[in-house]
Amino acid sequence: MDNELILKNNLQKLRKEKKLSQDELAKMVGTTRQTIISIEKSVFNPSAKLALLLCIALEVSFEEIFYF
């Protein structure tokens, strides 16, 4: 494929709307602050399980956080 699909996200915006720190969100979903930072910067794509946990923690749908 010539065009690589890059998963983008609104994680930082949604996290801040809920007034959560990166560390607080990380603890809620069972990961590290560094992982949250990497996802927010689109350096790391979360597993399906972690993506679902982020949706639950932020009370939003997958499409509200992640997009192409």
PDB file of N, CA and C in Angstrom:
ATOM      1  N   MET A   1       0.842  -1.185   0.000  1.00  0.00           N
ATOM      2  CA  MET A   1       0.000   0.000   0.000  1.00  0.00           C
ATOM      3  C   MET A   1       0.883   1.243   0.000  1.00  0.00           C
ATOM      4  N   ASP A   2       0.524   2.204  -0.813  1.00  0.00           N
ATOM      5  CA  ASP A   2       1.263   3.453  -0.858  1.00  0.00           C
ATOM      6  C   ASP A   2       0.911   4.361   0.321  1.00  0.00           C
ATOM      7  N   ASN A   3      -0.344   4.341   0.707  1.00  0.00           N
ATOM      8  CA  ASN A   3      -0.805   5.198   1.809  1.00  0.00           C
ATOM      9  C   ASN A   3      -0.936   4.364   3.072  1.00  0.00           C
ATOM     10  N   GLU A   4      -0.057   4.617   4.015  1.00  0.00           N
ATOM     11  CA  GLU A   4      -0.113   3.908   5.282  1.00  0.00           C
ATOM     12  C   GLU A   4      -1.160   4.563   6.177  1.00  0.00           C
ATOM     13  N   LEU A   5      -2.035   3.747   6.761  1.00  0.00           N
ATOM     14  CA  LEU A   5      -3.040   4.272   7.681  1.00  0.00           C
ATOM     15  C   LEU A   5      -2.378   4.547   9.027  1.00  0.00           C
ATOM     16  N   ILE A   6      -2.538   5.747   9.496  1.00  0.00           N
ATOM     17  CA  ILE A   6      -1.965   6.133  10.783  1.00  0.00           C
ATOM     18  C   ILE A   6      -3.112   6.427  11.746  1.00  0.00           C
ATOM     19  N   LEU A   7      -3.146   5.687  12.834  1.00  0.00           N
ATOM     20  CA  LEU A   7      -4.187   5.878  13.834  1.00  0.00           C
ATOM     21  C   LEU A   7      -3.885   7.142  14.629  1.00  0.00           C
ATOM     22  N   LYS A   8      -4.797   8.099  14.572  1.00  0.00           N
ATOM     23  CA  LYS A   8      -4.655   9.354  15.319  1.00  0.00           C
ATOM     24  C   LYS A   8      -5.616   9.310  16.498  1.00  0.00           C
ATOM     25  N   ASN A   9      -5.465  10.266  17.422  1.00  0.00           N
ATOM     26  CA  ASN A   9      -6.354  10.230  18.581  1.00  0.00           C
ATOM     27  C   ASN A   9      -6.586  11.610  19.190  1.00  0.00           C
ATOM     28  N   ASN A  10      -7.654  11.677  19.962  1.00  0.00           N
ATOM     29  CA  ASN A  10      -8.026  12.869  20.727  1.00  0.00           C
ATOM     30  C   ASN A  10      -7.846  12.615  22.223  1.00  0.00           C
ATOM     31  N   LEU A  11      -6.964  11.710  22.566  1.00  0.00           N
ATOM     32  CA  LEU A  11      -6.843  11.288  23.961  1.00  0.00           C
ATOM     33  C   LEU A  11      -6.498  12.439  24.891  1.00  0.00           C
ATOM     34  N   GLN A  12      -5.523  13.249  24.533  1.00  0.00           N
ATOM     35  CA  GLN A  12      -5.116  14.349  25.412  1.00  0.00           C
ATOM     36  C   GLN A  12      -6.267  15.319  25.646  1.00  0.00           C
ATOM     37  N   LYS A  13      -6.977  15.680  24.599  1.00  0.00           N
ATOM     38  CA  LYS A  13      -8.113  16.612  24.711  1.00  0.00           C
ATOM     39  C   LYS A  13      -9.192  16.031  25.627  1.00  0.00           C
ATOM     40  N   LEU A  14      -9.549  14.774  25.401  1.00  0.00           N
ATOM     41  CA  LEU A  14     -10.603  14.144  26.197  1.00  0.00           C
ATOM     42  C   LEU A  14     -10.172  13.956  27.650  1.00  0.00           C
ATOM     43  N   ARG A  15      -8.903  13.615  27.860  1.00  0.00           N
ATOM     44  CA  ARG A  15      -8.388  13.459  29.218  1.00  0.00           C
ATOM     45  C   ARG A  15      -8.458  14.778  29.978  1.00  0.00           C
ATOM     46  N   LYS A  16      -8.062  15.858  29.310  1.00  0.00           N
ATOM     47  CA  LYS A  16      -8.089  17.176  29.952  1.00  0.00           C
ATOM     48  C   LYS A  16      -9.514  17.629  30.228  1.00  0.00           C
ATOM     49  N   GLU A  17     -10.452  17.298  29.340  1.00  0.00           N
ATOM     50  CA  GLU A  17     -11.861  17.642  29.580  1.00  0.00           C
ATOM     51  C   GLU A  17     -12.383  16.979  30.850  1.00  0.00           C
ATOM     52  N   LYS A  18     -11.874  15.787  31.146  1.00  0.00           N
ATOM     53  CA  LYS A  18     -12.270  15.071  32.367  1.00  0.00           C
ATOM     54  C   LYS A  18     -11.420  15.480  33.565  1.00  0.00           C
ATOM     55  N   LYS A  19     -10.495  16.440  33.340  1.00  0.00           N
ATOM     56  CA  LYS A  19      -9.617  16.942  34.396  1.00  0.00           C
ATOM     57  C   LYS A  19      -8.790  15.825  35.037  1.00  0.00           C
ATOM     58  N   LEU A  20      -8.267  14.947  34.187  1.00  0.00           N
ATOM     59  CA  LEU A  20      -7.429  13.844  34.638  1.00  0.00           C
ATOM     60  C   LEU A  20      -5.982  14.098  34.228  1.00  0.00           C
ATOM     61  N   SER A  21      -5.065  13.770  35.105  1.00  0.00           N
ATOM     62  CA  SER A  21      -3.650  13.829  34.736  1.00  0.00           C
ATOM     63  C   SER A  21      -3.321  12.551  33.954  1.00  0.00           C
ATOM     64  N   GLN A  22      -2.176  12.554  33.296  1.00  0.00           N
ATOM     65  CA  GLN A  22      -1.742  11.353  32.586  1.00  0.00           C
ATOM     66  C   GLN A  22      -1.572  10.202  33.569  1.00  0.00           C
ATOM     67  N   ASP A  23      -1.043  10.490  34.738  1.00  0.00           N
ATOM     68  CA  ASP A  23      -0.835   9.463  35.753  1.00  0.00           C
ATOM     69  C   ASP A  23      -2.161   8.905  36.263  1.00  0.00           C
ATOM     70  N   GLU A  24      -3.130   9.770  36.495  1.00  0.00           N
ATOM     71  CA  GLU A  24      -4.449   9.311  36.971  1.00  0.00           C
ATOM     72  C   GLU A  24      -5.105   8.400  35.944  1.00  0.00           C
ATOM     73  N   LEU A  25      -5.068   8.801  34.678  1.00  0.00           N
ATOM     74  CA  LEU A  25      -5.669   7.973  33.626  1.00  0.00           C
ATOM     75  C   LEU A  25      -4.926   6.640  33.519  1.00  0.00           C
ATOM     76  N   ALA A  26      -3.615   6.694  33.581  1.00  0.00           N
ATOM     77  CA  ALA A  26      -2.818   5.467  33.503  1.00  0.00           C
ATOM     78  C   ALA A  26      -3.207   4.489  34.613  1.00  0.00           C
ATOM     79  N   LYS A  27      -3.362   4.990  35.816  1.00  0.00           N
ATOM     80  CA  LYS A  27      -3.751   4.124  36.937  1.00  0.00           C
ATOM     81  C   LYS A  27      -5.147   3.556  36.738  1.00  0.00           C
ATOM     82  N   MET A  28      -6.044   4.340  36.169  1.00  0.00           N
ATOM     83  CA  MET A  28      -7.414   3.876  35.935  1.00  0.00           C
ATOM     84  C   MET A  28      -7.456   2.699  34.964  1.00  0.00           C
ATOM     85  N   VAL A  29      -6.547   2.694  33.995  1.00  0.00           N
ATOM     86  CA  VAL A  29      -6.579   1.657  32.956  1.00  0.00           C
ATOM     87  C   VAL A  29      -5.469   0.614  33.121  1.00  0.00           C
ATOM     88  N   GLY A  30      -4.690   0.729  34.188  1.00  0.00           N
ATOM     89  CA  GLY A  30      -3.681  -0.283  34.474  1.00  0.00           C
ATOM     90  C   GLY A  30      -2.447  -0.230  33.595  1.00  0.00           C
ATOM     91  N   THR A  31      -1.997   0.974  33.293  1.00  0.00           N
ATOM     92  CA  THR A  31      -0.784   1.125  32.493  1.00  0.00           C
ATOM     93  C   THR A  31       0.090   2.207  33.118  1.00  0.00           C
ATOM     94  N   THR A  32       1.087   2.659  32.397  1.00  0.00           N
ATOM     95  CA  THR A  32       2.002   3.669  32.933  1.00  0.00           C
ATOM     96  C   THR A  32       1.739   5.032  32.303  1.00  0.00           C
ATOM     97  N   ARG A  33       2.210   6.046  32.968  1.00  0.00           N
ATOM     98  CA  ARG A  33       2.118   7.413  32.443  1.00  0.00           C
ATOM     99  C   ARG A  33       2.841   7.506  31.103  1.00  0.00           C
ATOM    100  N   GLN A  34       3.969   6.822  30.984  1.00  0.00           N
ATOM    101  CA  GLN A  34       4.734   6.852  29.740  1.00  0.00           C
ATOM    102  C   GLN A  34       3.932   6.284  28.573  1.00  0.00           C
ATOM    103  N   THR A  35       3.123   5.261  28.830  1.00  0.00           N
ATOM    104  CA  THR A  35       2.277   4.690  27.782  1.00  0.00           C
ATOM    105  C   THR A  35       1.225   5.703  27.345  1.00  0.00           C
ATOM    106  N   ILE A  36       0.611   6.388  28.293  1.00  0.00           N
ATOM    107  CA  ILE A  36      -0.385   7.415  27.959  1.00  0.00           C
ATOM    108  C   ILE A  36       0.271   8.513  27.124  1.00  0.00           C
ATOM    109  N   ILE A  37       1.462   8.946  27.504  1.00  0.00           N
ATOM    110  CA  ILE A  37       2.189   9.966  26.738  1.00  0.00           C
ATOM    111  C   ILE A  37       2.433   9.483  25.314  1.00  0.00           C
ATOM    112  N   SER A  38       2.876   8.240  25.172  1.00  0.00           N
ATOM    113  CA  SER A  38       3.167   7.683  23.848  1.00  0.00           C
ATOM    114  C   SER A  38       1.920   7.586  22.978  1.00  0.00           C
ATOM    115  N   ILE A  39       0.802   7.239  23.580  1.00  0.00           N
ATOM    116  CA  ILE A  39      -0.450   7.179  22.816  1.00  0.00           C
ATOM    117  C   ILE A  39      -0.862   8.584  22.391  1.00  0.00           C
ATOM    118  N   GLU A  40      -0.817   9.538  23.321  1.00  0.00           N
ATOM    119  CA  GLU A  40      -1.204  10.910  23.001  1.00  0.00           C
ATOM    120  C   GLU A  40      -0.358  11.496  21.879  1.00  0.00           C
ATOM    121  N   LYS A  41       0.914  11.127  21.806  1.00  0.00           N
ATOM    122  CA  LYS A  41       1.810  11.636  20.763  1.00  0.00           C
ATOM    123  C   LYS A  41       1.760  10.784  19.491  1.00  0.00           C
ATOM    124  N   SER A  42       0.871   9.778  19.467  1.00  0.00           N
ATOM    125  CA  SER A  42       0.738   8.851  18.332  1.00  0.00           C
ATOM    126  C   SER A  42       2.031   8.107  18.021  1.00  0.00           C
ATOM    127  N   VAL A  43       2.828   7.863  19.068  1.00  0.00           N
ATOM    128  CA  VAL A  43       4.056   7.079  18.927  1.00  0.00           C
ATOM    129  C   VAL A  43       3.731   5.597  19.099  1.00  0.00           C
ATOM    130  N   PHE A  44       2.690   5.318  19.868  1.00  0.00           N
ATOM    131  CA  PHE A  44       2.311   3.948  20.217  1.00  0.00           C
ATOM    132  C   PHE A  44       0.816   3.782  20.001  1.00  0.00           C
ATOM    133  N   ASN A  45       0.421   2.679  19.364  1.00  0.00           N
ATOM    134  CA  ASN A  45      -0.988   2.342  19.210  1.00  0.00           C
ATOM    135  C   ASN A  45      -1.351   1.325  20.284  1.00  0.00           C
ATOM    136  N   PRO A  46      -2.387   1.602  21.054  1.00  0.00           N
ATOM    137  CA  PRO A  46      -2.751   0.696  22.142  1.00  0.00           C
ATOM    138  C   PRO A  46      -3.335  -0.609  21.618  1.00  0.00           C
ATOM    139  N   SER A  47      -3.259  -1.625  22.449  1.00  0.00           N
ATOM    140  CA  SER A  47      -3.929  -2.886  22.135  1.00  0.00           C
ATOM    141  C   SER A  47      -5.432  -2.646  22.150  1.00  0.00           C
ATOM    142  N   ALA A  48      -6.177  -3.583  21.619  1.00  0.00           N
ATOM    143  CA  ALA A  48      -7.639  -3.467  21.635  1.00  0.00           C
ATOM    144  C   ALA A  48      -8.147  -3.364  23.073  1.00  0.00           C
ATOM    145  N   LYS A  49      -7.552  -4.150  23.969  1.00  0.00           N
ATOM    146  CA  LYS A  49      -7.969  -4.131  25.378  1.00  0.00           C
ATOM    147  C   LYS A  49      -7.717  -2.762  26.012  1.00  0.00           C
ATOM    148  N   LEU A  50      -6.528  -2.202  25.793  1.00  0.00           N
ATOM    149  CA  LEU A  50      -6.215  -0.896  26.370  1.00  0.00           C
ATOM    150  C   LEU A  50      -7.097   0.186  25.761  1.00  0.00           C
ATOM    151  N   ALA A  51      -7.342   0.114  24.467  1.00  0.00           N
ATOM    152  CA  ALA A  51      -8.224   1.095  23.818  1.00  0.00           C
ATOM    153  C   ALA A  51      -9.621   1.044  24.434  1.00  0.00           C
ATOM    154  N   LEU A  52     -10.124  -0.153  24.671  1.00  0.00           N
ATOM    155  CA  LEU A  52     -11.448  -0.314  25.289  1.00  0.00           C
ATOM    156  C   LEU A  52     -11.450   0.242  26.711  1.00  0.00           C
ATOM    157  N   LEU A  53     -10.398  -0.025  27.471  1.00  0.00           N
ATOM    158  CA  LEU A  53     -10.307   0.501  28.839  1.00  0.00           C
ATOM    159  C   LEU A  53     -10.263   2.030  28.844  1.00  0.00           C
ATOM    160  N   LEU A  54      -9.569   2.621  27.877  1.00  0.00           N
ATOM    161  CA  LEU A  54      -9.542   4.087  27.770  1.00  0.00           C
ATOM    162  C   LEU A  54     -10.939   4.623  27.478  1.00  0.00           C
ATOM    163  N   CYS A  55     -11.673   3.955  26.604  1.00  0.00           N
ATOM    164  CA  CYS A  55     -13.044   4.375  26.293  1.00  0.00           C
ATOM    165  C   CYS A  55     -13.925   4.320  27.539  1.00  0.00           C
ATOM    166  N   ILE A  56     -13.798   3.255  28.296  1.00  0.00           N
ATOM    167  CA  ILE A  56     -14.589   3.106  29.518  1.00  0.00           C
ATOM    168  C   ILE A  56     -14.207   4.177  30.537  1.00  0.00           C
ATOM    169  N   ALA A  57     -12.915   4.381  30.731  1.00  0.00           N
ATOM    170  CA  ALA A  57     -12.448   5.357  31.716  1.00  0.00           C
ATOM    171  C   ALA A  57     -12.888   6.773  31.373  1.00  0.00           C
ATOM    172  N   LEU A  58     -12.884   7.102  30.085  1.00  0.00           N
ATOM    173  CA  LEU A  58     -13.248   8.457  29.656  1.00  0.00           C
ATOM    174  C   LEU A  58     -14.727   8.586  29.300  1.00  0.00           C
ATOM    175  N   GLU A  59     -15.444   7.465  29.350  1.00  0.00           N
ATOM    176  CA  GLU A  59     -16.879   7.420  29.062  1.00  0.00           C
ATOM    177  C   GLU A  59     -17.200   7.958  27.670  1.00  0.00           C
ATOM    178  N   VAL A  60     -16.436   7.473  26.689  1.00  0.00           N
ATOM    179  CA  VAL A  60     -16.643   7.869  25.292  1.00  0.00           C
ATOM    180  C   VAL A  60     -16.539   6.635  24.411  1.00  0.00           C
ATOM    181  N   SER A  61     -16.966   6.770  23.160  1.00  0.00           N
ATOM    182  CA  SER A  61     -16.854   5.667  22.212  1.00  0.00           C
ATOM    183  C   SER A  61     -15.453   5.621  21.620  1.00  0.00           C
ATOM    184  N   PHE A  62     -15.131   4.499  21.027  1.00  0.00           N
ATOM    185  CA  PHE A  62     -13.827   4.332  20.379  1.00  0.00           C
ATOM    186  C   PHE A  62     -13.598   5.430  19.339  1.00  0.00           C
ATOM    187  N   GLU A  63     -14.632   5.719  18.547  1.00  0.00           N
ATOM    188  CA  GLU A  63     -14.516   6.714  17.475  1.00  0.00           C
ATOM    189  C   GLU A  63     -14.287   8.131  17.987  1.00  0.00           C
ATOM    190  N   GLU A  64     -14.679   8.392  19.232  1.00  0.00           N
ATOM    191  CA  GLU A  64     -14.446   9.708  19.815  1.00  0.00           C
ATOM    192  C   GLU A  64     -12.973   9.890  20.198  1.00  0.00           C
ATOM    193  N   ILE A  65     -12.285   8.795  20.462  1.00  0.00           N
ATOM    194  CA  ILE A  65     -10.859   8.895  20.815  1.00  0.00           C
ATOM    195  C   ILE A  65      -9.981   8.686  19.588  1.00  0.00           C
ATOM    196  N   PHE A  66     -10.247   7.623  18.839  1.00  0.00           N
ATOM    197  CA  PHE A  66      -9.353   7.217  17.758  1.00  0.00           C
ATOM    198  C   PHE A  66      -9.975   7.445  16.386  1.00  0.00           C
ATOM    199  N   TYR A  67      -9.152   7.836  15.434  1.00  0.00           N
ATOM    200  CA  TYR A  67      -9.602   8.046  14.053  1.00  0.00           C
ATOM    201  C   TYR A  67      -8.413   7.934  13.113  1.00  0.00           C
ATOM    202  N   PHE A  68      -8.715   7.804  11.807  1.00  0.00           N
ATOM    203  CA  PHE A  68      -7.662   7.753  10.772  1.00  0.00           C
ATOM    204  C   PHE A  68      -7.625   9.062  10.031  1.00  0.00           C
TER     205      PHE A  68
END
